[in-house]
Amino acid sequence: MWRIYSARNWMFILHRVTGTALLVYFVAHVLTISTALVAGPEAFSAVMAALRHPVFRAVELAIFGCVAFHGLNGLHIIAAERGWLRPGGNAFARTTVATTLGIWAVAAALAVAR
């Protein structure tokens, strides 16, 4: 039963979740910006002012974490499928998570300092 919750399965689940989150964000981003552009300069300025709210800054930070994890895990998947990783090794998966958290921590520190 515990085999279901192995590192590989968690990486697979997180890859799917982050990919879905990025897709939803991308669609919402395109719809928001295009609608604001069509509505005119006043509407665009109002939308941009609303997007400067701290809640949206936190969402941007979460999206950045999704991009970092999804990209690094994608490289992990490519390496595994090409046979560059030894079977049963989770070191690369741990490295992927650690690097993602490191990149995200730097981005968070820069966002807070801004």
PDB file of N, CA and C in Angstrom:
ATOM      1  N   MET A   1       0.810  -1.200   0.000  1.00  0.00           N
ATOM      2  CA  MET A   1       0.000   0.000   0.000  1.00  0.00           C
ATOM      3  C   MET A   1       0.850   1.259   0.000  1.00  0.00           C
ATOM      4  N   TRP A   2       1.959   1.257   0.745  1.00  0.00           N
ATOM      5  CA  TRP A   2       2.782   2.458   0.807  1.00  0.00           C
ATOM      6  C   TRP A   2       3.503   2.708  -0.505  1.00  0.00           C
ATOM      7  N   ARG A   3       3.596   1.695  -1.336  1.00  0.00           N
ATOM      8  CA  ARG A   3       4.253   1.859  -2.630  1.00  0.00           C
ATOM      9  C   ARG A   3       3.505   2.879  -3.488  1.00  0.00           C
ATOM     10  N   ILE A   4       2.202   3.008  -3.270  1.00  0.00           N
ATOM     11  CA  ILE A   4       1.401   3.967  -4.023  1.00  0.00           C
ATOM     12  C   ILE A   4       1.901   5.388  -3.782  1.00  0.00           C
ATOM     13  N   TYR A   5       2.405   5.640  -2.570  1.00  0.00           N
ATOM     14  CA  TYR A   5       2.839   6.980  -2.211  1.00  0.00           C
ATOM     15  C   TYR A   5       4.353   7.129  -2.282  1.00  0.00           C
ATOM     16  N   SER A   6       4.960   6.525  -3.288  1.00  0.00           N
ATOM     17  CA  SER A   6       6.403   6.644  -3.462  1.00  0.00           C
ATOM     18  C   SER A   6       6.750   8.030  -4.009  1.00  0.00           C
ATOM     19  N   ALA A   7       8.024   8.343  -3.979  1.00  0.00           N
ATOM     20  CA  ALA A   7       8.484   9.647  -4.481  1.00  0.00           C
ATOM     21  C   ALA A   7       8.123   9.823  -5.956  1.00  0.00           C
ATOM     22  N   ARG A   8       8.247   8.747  -6.725  1.00  0.00           N
ATOM     23  CA  ARG A   8       7.920   8.821  -8.151  1.00  0.00           C
ATOM     24  C   ARG A   8       6.457   9.181  -8.386  1.00  0.00           C
ATOM     25  N   ASN A   9       5.581   8.577  -7.604  1.00  0.00           N
ATOM     26  CA  ASN A   9       4.154   8.861  -7.765  1.00  0.00           C
ATOM     27  C   ASN A   9       3.821  10.278  -7.336  1.00  0.00           C
ATOM     28  N   TRP A  10       4.453  10.762  -6.253  1.00  0.00           N
ATOM     29  CA  TRP A  10       4.215  12.145  -5.837  1.00  0.00           C
ATOM     30  C   TRP A  10       4.718  13.120  -6.891  1.00  0.00           C
ATOM     31  N   MET A  11       5.867  12.812  -7.496  1.00  0.00           N
ATOM     32  CA  MET A  11       6.388  13.677  -8.557  1.00  0.00           C
ATOM     33  C   MET A  11       5.425  13.686  -9.747  1.00  0.00           C
ATOM     34  N   PHE A  12       4.875  12.526 -10.074  1.00  0.00           N
ATOM     35  CA  PHE A  12       3.909  12.434 -11.170  1.00  0.00           C
ATOM     36  C   PHE A  12       2.670  13.272 -10.865  1.00  0.00           C
ATOM     37  N   ILE A  13       2.142  13.133  -9.646  1.00  0.00           N
ATOM     38  CA  ILE A  13       0.939  13.888  -9.256  1.00  0.00           C
ATOM     39  C   ILE A  13       1.221  15.383  -9.274  1.00  0.00           C
ATOM     40  N   LEU A  14       2.341  15.799  -8.684  1.00  0.00           N
ATOM     41  CA  LEU A  14       2.684  17.225  -8.659  1.00  0.00           C
ATOM     42  C   LEU A  14       2.928  17.777 -10.059  1.00  0.00           C
ATOM     43  N   HIS A  15       3.494  16.952 -10.940  1.00  0.00           N
ATOM     44  CA  HIS A  15       3.703  17.401 -12.320  1.00  0.00           C
ATOM     45  C   HIS A  15       2.357  17.676 -13.003  1.00  0.00           C
ATOM     46  N   ARG A  16       1.398  16.794 -12.781  1.00  0.00           N
ATOM     47  CA  ARG A  16       0.065  16.997 -13.350  1.00  0.00           C
ATOM     48  C   ARG A  16      -0.628  18.214 -12.744  1.00  0.00           C
ATOM     49  N   VAL A  17      -0.523  18.377 -11.427  1.00  0.00           N
ATOM     50  CA  VAL A  17      -1.175  19.499 -10.743  1.00  0.00           C
ATOM     51  C   VAL A  17      -0.564  20.829 -11.196  1.00  0.00           C
ATOM     52  N   THR A  18       0.767  20.891 -11.247  1.00  0.00           N
ATOM     53  CA  THR A  18       1.397  22.147 -11.672  1.00  0.00           C
ATOM     54  C   THR A  18       1.109  22.440 -13.141  1.00  0.00           C
ATOM     55  N   GLY A  19       1.060  21.415 -13.964  1.00  0.00           N
ATOM     56  CA  GLY A  19       0.715  21.632 -15.371  1.00  0.00           C
ATOM     57  C   GLY A  19      -0.697  22.167 -15.536  1.00  0.00           C
ATOM     58  N   THR A  20      -1.622  21.626 -14.765  1.00  0.00           N
ATOM     59  CA  THR A  20      -3.007  22.101 -14.806  1.00  0.00           C
ATOM     60  C   THR A  20      -3.094  23.536 -14.292  1.00  0.00           C
ATOM     61  N   ALA A  21      -2.378  23.827 -13.202  1.00  0.00           N
ATOM     62  CA  ALA A  21      -2.378  25.190 -12.657  1.00  0.00           C
ATOM     63  C   ALA A  21      -1.808  26.186 -13.665  1.00  0.00           C
ATOM     64  N   LEU A  22      -0.750  25.798 -14.357  1.00  0.00           N
ATOM     65  CA  LEU A  22      -0.169  26.690 -15.370  1.00  0.00           C
ATOM     66  C   LEU A  22      -1.120  26.908 -16.541  1.00  0.00           C
ATOM     67  N   LEU A  23      -1.825  25.869 -16.939  1.00  0.00           N
ATOM     68  CA  LEU A  23      -2.798  26.010 -18.019  1.00  0.00           C
ATOM     69  C   LEU A  23      -3.928  26.950 -17.619  1.00  0.00           C
ATOM     70  N   VAL A  24      -4.460  26.757 -16.420  1.00  0.00           N
ATOM     71  CA  VAL A  24      -5.541  27.627 -15.934  1.00  0.00           C
ATOM     72  C   VAL A  24      -5.055  29.068 -15.831  1.00  0.00           C
ATOM     73  N   TYR A  25      -3.849  29.259 -15.287  1.00  0.00           N
ATOM     74  CA  TYR A  25      -3.292  30.609 -15.164  1.00  0.00           C
ATOM     75  C   TYR A  25      -3.104  31.254 -16.537  1.00  0.00           C
ATOM     76  N   PHE A  26      -2.570  30.488 -17.487  1.00  0.00           N
ATOM     77  CA  PHE A  26      -2.328  31.026 -18.822  1.00  0.00           C
ATOM     78  C   PHE A  26      -3.629  31.477 -19.484  1.00  0.00           C
ATOM     79  N   VAL A  27      -4.658  30.661 -19.403  1.00  0.00           N
ATOM     80  CA  VAL A  27      -5.948  31.020 -20.006  1.00  0.00           C
ATOM     81  C   VAL A  27      -6.528  32.254 -19.320  1.00  0.00           C
ATOM     82  N   ALA A  28      -6.494  32.275 -17.979  1.00  0.00           N
ATOM     83  CA  ALA A  28      -7.019  33.437 -17.243  1.00  0.00           C
ATOM     84  C   ALA A  28      -6.215  34.691 -17.557  1.00  0.00           C
ATOM     85  N   HIS A  29      -4.914  34.550 -17.675  1.00  0.00           N
ATOM     86  CA  HIS A  29      -4.044  35.686 -17.986  1.00  0.00           C
ATOM     87  C   HIS A  29      -4.369  36.266 -19.363  1.00  0.00           C
ATOM     88  N   VAL A  30      -4.474  35.400 -20.346  1.00  0.00           N
ATOM     89  CA  VAL A  30      -4.778  35.864 -21.711  1.00  0.00           C
ATOM     90  C   VAL A  30      -6.155  36.517 -21.765  1.00  0.00           C
ATOM     91  N   LEU A  31      -7.147  35.899 -21.141  1.00  0.00           N
ATOM     92  CA  LEU A  31      -8.498  36.478 -21.146  1.00  0.00           C
ATOM     93  C   LEU A  31      -8.546  37.820 -20.431  1.00  0.00           C
ATOM     94  N   THR A  32      -7.863  37.940 -19.297  1.00  0.00           N
ATOM     95  CA  THR A  32      -7.871  39.189 -18.532  1.00  0.00           C
ATOM     96  C   THR A  32      -7.205  40.315 -19.312  1.00  0.00           C
ATOM     97  N   ILE A  33      -6.023  40.055 -19.825  1.00  0.00           N
ATOM     98  CA  ILE A  33      -5.282  41.096 -20.538  1.00  0.00           C
ATOM     99  C   ILE A  33      -5.982  41.473 -21.839  1.00  0.00           C
ATOM    100  N   SER A  34      -6.459  40.491 -22.586  1.00  0.00           N
ATOM    101  CA  SER A  34      -7.100  40.813 -23.863  1.00  0.00           C
ATOM    102  C   SER A  34      -8.410  41.562 -23.658  1.00  0.00           C
ATOM    103  N   THR A  35      -9.179  41.166 -22.641  1.00  0.00           N
ATOM    104  CA  THR A  35     -10.431  41.870 -22.350  1.00  0.00           C
ATOM    105  C   THR A  35     -10.150  43.301 -21.922  1.00  0.00           C
ATOM    106  N   ALA A  36      -9.124  43.497 -21.104  1.00  0.00           N
ATOM    107  CA  ALA A  36      -8.773  44.841 -20.656  1.00  0.00           C
ATOM    108  C   ALA A  36      -8.273  45.691 -21.823  1.00  0.00           C
ATOM    109  N   LEU A  37      -7.551  45.090 -22.746  1.00  0.00           N
ATOM    110  CA  LEU A  37      -7.064  45.840 -23.910  1.00  0.00           C
ATOM    111  C   LEU A  37      -8.211  46.245 -24.830  1.00  0.00           C
ATOM    112  N   VAL A  38      -9.170  45.363 -25.009  1.00  0.00           N
ATOM    113  CA  VAL A  38     -10.308  45.653 -25.881  1.00  0.00           C
ATOM    114  C   VAL A  38     -11.191  46.734 -25.263  1.00  0.00           C
ATOM    115  N   ALA A  39     -11.304  46.734 -23.940  1.00  0.00           N
ATOM    116  CA  ALA A  39     -12.189  47.681 -23.260  1.00  0.00           C
ATOM    117  C   ALA A  39     -11.652  49.110 -23.266  1.00  0.00           C
ATOM    118  N   GLY A  40     -10.357  49.255 -23.493  1.00  0.00           N
ATOM    119  CA  GLY A  40      -9.800  50.608 -23.566  1.00  0.00           C
ATOM    120  C   GLY A  40      -8.737  50.849 -22.515  1.00  0.00           C
ATOM    121  N   PRO A  41      -8.059  51.998 -22.646  1.00  0.00           N
ATOM    122  CA  PRO A  41      -6.946  52.305 -21.741  1.00  0.00           C
ATOM    123  C   PRO A  41      -7.358  52.456 -20.273  1.00  0.00           C
ATOM    124  N   GLU A  42      -8.545  52.992 -20.029  1.00  0.00           N
ATOM    125  CA  GLU A  42      -8.979  53.168 -18.640  1.00  0.00           C
ATOM    126  C   GLU A  42      -9.202  51.817 -17.966  1.00  0.00           C
ATOM    127  N   ALA A  43      -9.853  50.920 -18.685  1.00  0.00           N
ATOM    128  CA  ALA A  43     -10.109  49.581 -18.146  1.00  0.00           C
ATOM    129  C   ALA A  43      -8.794  48.826 -17.944  1.00  0.00           C
ATOM    130  N   PHE A  44      -7.878  48.990 -18.883  1.00  0.00           N
ATOM    131  CA  PHE A  44      -6.577  48.321 -18.762  1.00  0.00           C
ATOM    132  C   PHE A  44      -5.831  48.822 -17.525  1.00  0.00           C
ATOM    133  N   SER A  45      -5.836  50.128 -17.314  1.00  0.00           N
ATOM    134  CA  SER A  45      -5.174  50.699 -16.136  1.00  0.00           C
ATOM    135  C   SER A  45      -5.827  50.214 -14.842  1.00  0.00           C
ATOM    136  N   ALA A  46      -7.145  50.117 -14.841  1.00  0.00           N
ATOM    137  CA  ALA A  46      -7.852  49.632 -13.658  1.00  0.00           C
ATOM    138  C   ALA A  46      -7.510  48.170 -13.364  1.00  0.00           C
ATOM    139  N   VAL A  47      -7.440  47.363 -14.405  1.00  0.00           N
ATOM    140  CA  VAL A  47      -7.091  45.951 -14.227  1.00  0.00           C
ATOM    141  C   VAL A  47      -5.659  45.822 -13.718  1.00  0.00           C
ATOM    142  N   MET A  48      -4.743  46.603 -14.288  1.00  0.00           N
ATOM    143  CA  MET A  48      -3.352  46.548 -13.842  1.00  0.00           C
ATOM    144  C   MET A  48      -3.214  47.004 -12.391  1.00  0.00           C
ATOM    145  N   ALA A  49      -4.001  47.986 -11.988  1.00  0.00           N
ATOM    146  CA  ALA A  49      -3.970  48.441 -10.592  1.00  0.00           C
ATOM    147  C   ALA A  49      -4.500  47.346  -9.664  1.00  0.00           C
ATOM    148  N   ALA A  50      -5.532  46.654 -10.090  1.00  0.00           N
ATOM    149  CA  ALA A  50      -6.091  45.565  -9.277  1.00  0.00           C
ATOM    150  C   ALA A  50      -5.098  44.410  -9.151  1.00  0.00           C
ATOM    151  N   LEU A  51      -4.328  44.169 -10.194  1.00  0.00           N
ATOM    152  CA  LEU A  51      -3.383  43.054 -10.179  1.00  0.00           C
ATOM    153  C   LEU A  51      -2.156  43.343  -9.327  1.00  0.00           C
ATOM    154  N   ARG A  52      -2.014  44.555  -8.849  1.00  0.00           N
ATOM    155  CA  ARG A  52      -0.903  44.880  -7.952  1.00  0.00           C
ATOM    156  C   ARG A  52      -1.227  44.550  -6.492  1.00  0.00           C
ATOM    157  N   HIS A  53      -2.413  44.066  -6.230  1.00  0.00           N
ATOM    158  CA  HIS A  53      -2.836  43.694  -4.875  1.00  0.00           C
ATOM    159  C   HIS A  53      -1.952  42.548  -4.358  1.00  0.00           C
ATOM    160  N   PRO A  54      -1.655  42.531  -3.054  1.00  0.00           N
ATOM    161  CA  PRO A  54      -0.791  41.471  -2.500  1.00  0.00           C
ATOM    162  C   PRO A  54      -1.284  40.044  -2.748  1.00  0.00           C
ATOM    163  N   VAL A  55      -2.572  39.856  -2.862  1.00  0.00           N
ATOM    164  CA  VAL A  55      -3.082  38.509  -3.147  1.00  0.00           C
ATOM    165  C   VAL A  55      -2.606  38.049  -4.521  1.00  0.00           C
ATOM    166  N   PHE A  56      -2.643  38.940  -5.495  1.00  0.00           N
ATOM    167  CA  PHE A  56      -2.189  38.586  -6.836  1.00  0.00           C
ATOM    168  C   PHE A  56      -0.681  38.402  -6.871  1.00  0.00           C
ATOM    169  N   ARG A  57       0.042  39.128  -6.016  1.00  0.00           N
ATOM    170  CA  ARG A  57       1.498  38.937  -5.914  1.00  0.00           C
ATOM    171  C   ARG A  57       1.783  37.527  -5.388  1.00  0.00           C
ATOM    172  N   ALA A  58       0.994  37.084  -4.424  1.00  0.00           N
ATOM    173  CA  ALA A  58       1.168  35.730  -3.894  1.00  0.00           C
ATOM    174  C   ALA A  58       0.852  34.682  -4.958  1.00  0.00           C
ATOM    175  N   VAL A  59      -0.164  34.945  -5.767  1.00  0.00           N
ATOM    176  CA  VAL A  59      -0.495  34.021  -6.861  1.00  0.00           C
ATOM    177  C   VAL A  59       0.650  33.975  -7.866  1.00  0.00           C
ATOM    178  N   GLU A  60       1.245  35.127  -8.178  1.00  0.00           N
ATOM    179  CA  GLU A  60       2.386  35.150  -9.093  1.00  0.00           C
ATOM    180  C   GLU A  60       3.544  34.327  -8.543  1.00  0.00           C
ATOM    181  N   LEU A  61       3.762  34.424  -7.250  1.00  0.00           N
ATOM    182  CA  LEU A  61       4.827  33.657  -6.617  1.00  0.00           C
ATOM    183  C   LEU A  61       4.533  32.159  -6.699  1.00  0.00           C
ATOM    184  N   ALA A  62       3.286  31.786  -6.475  1.00  0.00           N
ATOM    185  CA  ALA A  62       2.896  30.376  -6.587  1.00  0.00           C
ATOM    186  C   ALA A  62       3.062  29.885  -8.021  1.00  0.00           C
ATOM    187  N   ILE A  63       2.697  30.713  -8.978  1.00  0.00           N
ATOM    188  CA  ILE A  63       2.852  30.340 -10.389  1.00  0.00           C
ATOM    189  C   ILE A  63       4.332  30.185 -10.735  1.00  0.00           C
ATOM    190  N   PHE A  64       5.175  31.051 -10.185  1.00  0.00           N
ATOM    191  CA  PHE A  64       6.606  30.921 -10.423  1.00  0.00           C
ATOM    192  C   PHE A  64       7.116  29.588  -9.877  1.00  0.00           C
ATOM    193  N   GLY A  65       6.631  29.205  -8.691  1.00  0.00           N
ATOM    194  CA  GLY A  65       7.001  27.903  -8.140  1.00  0.00           C
ATOM    195  C   GLY A  65       6.531  26.761  -9.021  1.00  0.00           C
ATOM    196  N   CYS A  66       5.336  26.905  -9.576  1.00  0.00           N
ATOM    197  CA  CYS A  66       4.811  25.882 -10.498  1.00  0.00           C
ATOM    198  C   CYS A  66       5.679  25.775 -11.747  1.00  0.00           C
ATOM    199  N   VAL A  67       6.082  26.926 -12.287  1.00  0.00           N
ATOM    200  CA  VAL A  67       6.929  26.928 -13.482  1.00  0.00           C
ATOM    201  C   VAL A  67       8.263  26.249 -13.178  1.00  0.00           C
ATOM    202  N   ALA A  68       8.868  26.596 -12.035  1.00  0.00           N
ATOM    203  CA  ALA A  68      10.164  26.014 -11.677  1.00  0.00           C
ATOM    204  C   ALA A  68      10.050  24.503 -11.491  1.00  0.00           C
ATOM    205  N   PHE A  69       9.068  24.050 -10.717  1.00  0.00           N
ATOM    206  CA  PHE A  69       8.921  22.623 -10.488  1.00  0.00           C
ATOM    207  C   PHE A  69       8.586  21.884 -11.775  1.00  0.00           C
ATOM    208  N   HIS A  70       7.642  22.405 -12.531  1.00  0.00           N
ATOM    209  CA  HIS A  70       7.193  21.727 -13.753  1.00  0.00           C
ATOM    210  C   HIS A  70       8.339  21.608 -14.757  1.00  0.00           C
ATOM    211  N   GLY A  71       9.118  22.668 -14.878  1.00  0.00           N
ATOM    212  CA  GLY A  71      10.240  22.633 -15.808  1.00  0.00           C
ATOM    213  C   GLY A  71      11.325  21.663 -15.369  1.00  0.00           C
ATOM    214  N   LEU A  72      11.712  21.734 -14.094  1.00  0.00           N
ATOM    215  CA  LEU A  72      12.754  20.833 -13.613  1.00  0.00           C
ATOM    216  C   LEU A  72      12.289  19.382 -13.604  1.00  0.00           C
ATOM    217  N   ASN A  73      11.045  19.148 -13.249  1.00  0.00           N
ATOM    218  CA  ASN A  73      10.531  17.779 -13.282  1.00  0.00           C
ATOM    219  C   ASN A  73      10.412  17.283 -14.718  1.00  0.00           C
ATOM    220  N   GLY A  74      10.124  18.177 -15.642  1.00  0.00           N
ATOM    221  CA  GLY A  74      10.116  17.789 -17.053  1.00  0.00           C
ATOM    222  C   GLY A  74      11.491  17.303 -17.496  1.00  0.00           C
ATOM    223  N   LEU A  75      12.546  17.987 -17.043  1.00  0.00           N
ATOM    224  CA  LEU A  75      13.906  17.528 -17.339  1.00  0.00           C
ATOM    225  C   LEU A  75      14.175  16.175 -16.691  1.00  0.00           C
ATOM    226  N   HIS A  76      13.647  15.985 -15.485  1.00  0.00           N
ATOM    227  CA  HIS A  76      13.782  14.703 -14.800  1.00  0.00           C
ATOM    228  C   HIS A  76      13.100  13.595 -15.599  1.00  0.00           C
ATOM    229  N   ILE A  77      11.928  13.872 -16.116  1.00  0.00           N
ATOM    230  CA  ILE A  77      11.189  12.875 -16.905  1.00  0.00           C
ATOM    231  C   ILE A  77      11.946  12.546 -18.182  1.00  0.00           C
ATOM    232  N   ILE A  78      12.478  13.573 -18.848  1.00  0.00           N
ATOM    233  CA  ILE A  78      13.259  13.338 -20.069  1.00  0.00           C
ATOM    234  C   ILE A  78      14.466  12.461 -19.769  1.00  0.00           C
ATOM    235  N   ALA A  79      15.186  12.790 -18.682  1.00  0.00           N
ATOM    236  CA  ALA A  79      16.372  12.014 -18.323  1.00  0.00           C
ATOM    237  C   ALA A  79      16.005  10.568 -17.989  1.00  0.00           C
ATOM    238  N   ALA A  80      14.896  10.374 -17.301  1.00  0.00           N
ATOM    239  CA  ALA A  80      14.469   9.017 -16.947  1.00  0.00           C
ATOM    240  C   ALA A  80      14.060   8.228 -18.190  1.00  0.00           C
ATOM    241  N   GLU A  81      13.361   8.865 -19.105  1.00  0.00           N
ATOM    242  CA  GLU A  81      12.911   8.161 -20.305  1.00  0.00           C
ATOM    243  C   GLU A  81      14.056   7.864 -21.267  1.00  0.00           C
ATOM    244  N   ARG A  82      15.093   8.693 -21.232  1.00  0.00           N
ATOM    245  CA  ARG A  82      16.244   8.445 -22.089  1.00  0.00           C
ATOM    246  C   ARG A  82      17.171   7.388 -21.498  1.00  0.00           C
ATOM    247  N   GLY A  83      16.897   6.991 -20.252  1.00  0.00           N
ATOM    248  CA  GLY A  83      17.716   5.980 -19.621  1.00  0.00           C
ATOM    249  C   GLY A  83      18.961   6.539 -18.960  1.00  0.00           C
ATOM    250  N   TRP A  84      19.000   7.819 -18.716  1.00  0.00           N
ATOM    251  CA  TRP A  84      20.171   8.439 -18.107  1.00  0.00           C
ATOM    252  C   TRP A  84      20.204   8.264 -16.597  1.00  0.00           C
ATOM    253  N   LEU A  85      19.105   7.824 -16.018  1.00  0.00           N
ATOM    254  CA  LEU A  85      19.041   7.615 -14.575  1.00  0.00           C
ATOM    255  C   LEU A  85      19.033   6.129 -14.287  1.00  0.00           C
ATOM    256  N   ARG A  86      19.643   5.754 -13.202  1.00  0.00           N
ATOM    257  CA  ARG A  86      19.636   4.337 -12.846  1.00  0.00           C
ATOM    258  C   ARG A  86      18.257   3.958 -12.315  1.00  0.00           C
ATOM    259  N   PRO A  87      17.815   2.752 -12.573  1.00  0.00           N
ATOM    260  CA  PRO A  87      16.496   2.326 -12.098  1.00  0.00           C
ATOM    261  C   PRO A  87      16.427   2.326 -10.570  1.00  0.00           C
ATOM    262  N   GLY A  88      15.336   2.823 -10.054  1.00  0.00           N
ATOM    263  CA  GLY A  88      15.110   2.811  -8.618  1.00  0.00           C
ATOM    264  C   GLY A  88      15.761   3.957  -7.863  1.00  0.00           C
ATOM    265  N   GLY A  89      16.492   4.810  -8.540  1.00  0.00           N
ATOM    266  CA  GLY A  89      17.162   5.918  -7.859  1.00  0.00           C
ATOM    267  C   GLY A  89      16.239   7.122  -7.707  1.00  0.00           C
ATOM    268  N   ASN A  90      16.168   7.665  -6.506  1.00  0.00           N
ATOM    269  CA  ASN A  90      15.329   8.835  -6.255  1.00  0.00           C
ATOM    270  C   ASN A  90      16.159  10.083  -6.011  1.00  0.00           C
ATOM    271  N   ALA A  91      17.471   9.994  -6.198  1.00  0.00           N
ATOM    272  CA  ALA A  91      18.334  11.147  -5.932  1.00  0.00           C
ATOM    273  C   ALA A  91      17.990  12.311  -6.865  1.00  0.00           C
ATOM    274  N   PHE A  92      17.713  12.026  -8.111  1.00  0.00           N
ATOM    275  CA  PHE A  92      17.394  13.101  -9.053  1.00  0.00           C
ATOM    276  C   PHE A  92      16.053  13.737  -8.707  1.00  0.00           C
ATOM    277  N   ALA A  93      15.115  12.941  -8.221  1.00  0.00           N
ATOM    278  CA  ALA A  93      13.820  13.488  -7.810  1.00  0.00           C
ATOM    279  C   ALA A  93      14.002  14.412  -6.615  1.00  0.00           C
ATOM    280  N   ARG A  94      14.823  14.011  -5.663  1.00  0.00           N
ATOM    281  CA  ARG A  94      15.097  14.869  -4.507  1.00  0.00           C
ATOM    282  C   ARG A  94      15.804  16.153  -4.942  1.00  0.00           C
ATOM    283  N   THR A  95      16.726  16.021  -5.875  1.00  0.00           N
ATOM    284  CA  THR A  95      17.429  17.191  -6.390  1.00  0.00           C
ATOM    285  C   THR A  95      16.467  18.133  -7.094  1.00  0.00           C
ATOM    286  N   THR A  96      15.516  17.581  -7.830  1.00  0.00           N
ATOM    287  CA  THR A  96      14.514  18.399  -8.503  1.00  0.00           C
ATOM    288  C   THR A  96      13.701  19.204  -7.499  1.00  0.00           C
ATOM    289  N   VAL A  97      13.244  18.551  -6.450  1.00  0.00           N
ATOM    290  CA  VAL A  97      12.448  19.239  -5.430  1.00  0.00           C
ATOM    291  C   VAL A  97      13.295  20.268  -4.697  1.00  0.00           C
ATOM    292  N   ALA A  98      14.510  19.913  -4.332  1.00  0.00           N
ATOM    293  CA  ALA A  98      15.385  20.849  -3.607  1.00  0.00           C
ATOM    294  C   ALA A  98      15.717  22.069  -4.460  1.00  0.00           C
ATOM    295  N   THR A  99      16.010  21.857  -5.731  1.00  0.00           N
ATOM    296  CA  THR A  99      16.314  22.985  -6.623  1.00  0.00           C
ATOM    297  C   THR A  99      15.095  23.869  -6.814  1.00  0.00           C
ATOM    298  N   THR A 100      13.932  23.253  -6.955  1.00  0.00           N
ATOM    299  CA  THR A 100      12.699  24.034  -7.091  1.00  0.00           C
ATOM    300  C   THR A 100      12.479  24.895  -5.865  1.00  0.00           C
ATOM    301  N   LEU A 101      12.627  24.319  -4.686  1.00  0.00           N
ATOM    302  CA  LEU A 101      12.433  25.085  -3.461  1.00  0.00           C
ATOM    303  C   LEU A 101      13.474  26.189  -3.323  1.00  0.00           C
ATOM    304  N   GLY A 102      14.696  25.924  -3.746  1.00  0.00           N
ATOM    305  CA  GLY A 102      15.732  26.950  -3.704  1.00  0.00           C
ATOM    306  C   GLY A 102      15.429  28.112  -4.632  1.00  0.00           C
ATOM    307  N   ILE A 103      15.043  27.805  -5.857  1.00  0.00           N
ATOM    308  CA  ILE A 103      14.688  28.852  -6.820  1.00  0.00           C
ATOM    309  C   ILE A 103      13.488  29.639  -6.318  1.00  0.00           C
ATOM    310  N   TRP A 104      12.500  28.933  -5.788  1.00  0.00           N
ATOM    311  CA  TRP A 104      11.305  29.601  -5.292  1.00  0.00           C
ATOM    312  C   TRP A 104      11.631  30.487  -4.101  1.00  0.00           C
ATOM    313  N   ALA A 105      12.525  30.051  -3.220  1.00  0.00           N
ATOM    314  CA  ALA A 105      12.904  30.848  -2.046  1.00  0.00           C
ATOM    315  C   ALA A 105      13.592  32.143  -2.481  1.00  0.00           C
ATOM    316  N   VAL A 106      14.452  32.064  -3.474  1.00  0.00           N
ATOM    317  CA  VAL A 106      15.110  33.269  -3.987  1.00  0.00           C
ATOM    318  C   VAL A 106      14.091  34.206  -4.609  1.00  0.00           C
ATOM    319  N   ALA A 107      13.156  33.662  -5.379  1.00  0.00           N
ATOM    320  CA  ALA A 107      12.112  34.494  -5.991  1.00  0.00           C
ATOM    321  C   ALA A 107      11.244  35.134  -4.928  1.00  0.00           C
ATOM    322  N   ALA A 108      10.920  34.383  -3.870  1.00  0.00           N
ATOM    323  CA  ALA A 108      10.101  34.944  -2.790  1.00  0.00           C
ATOM    324  C   ALA A 108      10.842  36.057  -2.082  1.00  0.00           C
ATOM    325  N   ALA A 109      12.123  35.861  -1.844  1.00  0.00           N
ATOM    326  CA  ALA A 109      12.907  36.914  -1.168  1.00  0.00           C
ATOM    327  C   ALA A 109      12.988  38.162  -2.032  1.00  0.00           C
ATOM    328  N   LEU A 110      13.148  37.990  -3.325  1.00  0.00           N
ATOM    329  CA  LEU A 110      13.194  39.151  -4.224  1.00  0.00           C
ATOM    330  C   LEU A 110      11.840  39.839  -4.298  1.00  0.00           C
ATOM    331  N   ALA A 111      10.759  39.069  -4.277  1.00  0.00           N
ATOM    332  CA  ALA A 111       9.426  39.654  -4.328  1.00  0.00           C
ATOM    333  C   ALA A 111       9.112  40.420  -3.055  1.00  0.00           C
ATOM    334  N   VAL A 112       9.532  39.904  -1.913  1.00  0.00           N
ATOM    335  CA  VAL A 112       9.288  40.597  -0.649  1.00  0.00           C
ATOM    336  C   VAL A 112      10.123  41.861  -0.564  1.00  0.00           C
ATOM    337  N   ALA A 113      11.352  41.799  -1.049  1.00  0.00           N
ATOM    338  CA  ALA A 113      12.229  42.971  -1.019  1.00  0.00           C
ATOM    339  C   ALA A 113      11.756  44.066  -1.951  1.00  0.00           C
ATOM    340  N   ARG A 114      11.004  43.691  -2.945  1.00  0.00           N
ATOM    341  CA  ARG A 114      10.494  44.658  -3.929  1.00  0.00           C
ATOM    342  C   ARG A 114       9.373  45.387  -3.329  1.00  0.00           C
TER     343      ARG A 114
END
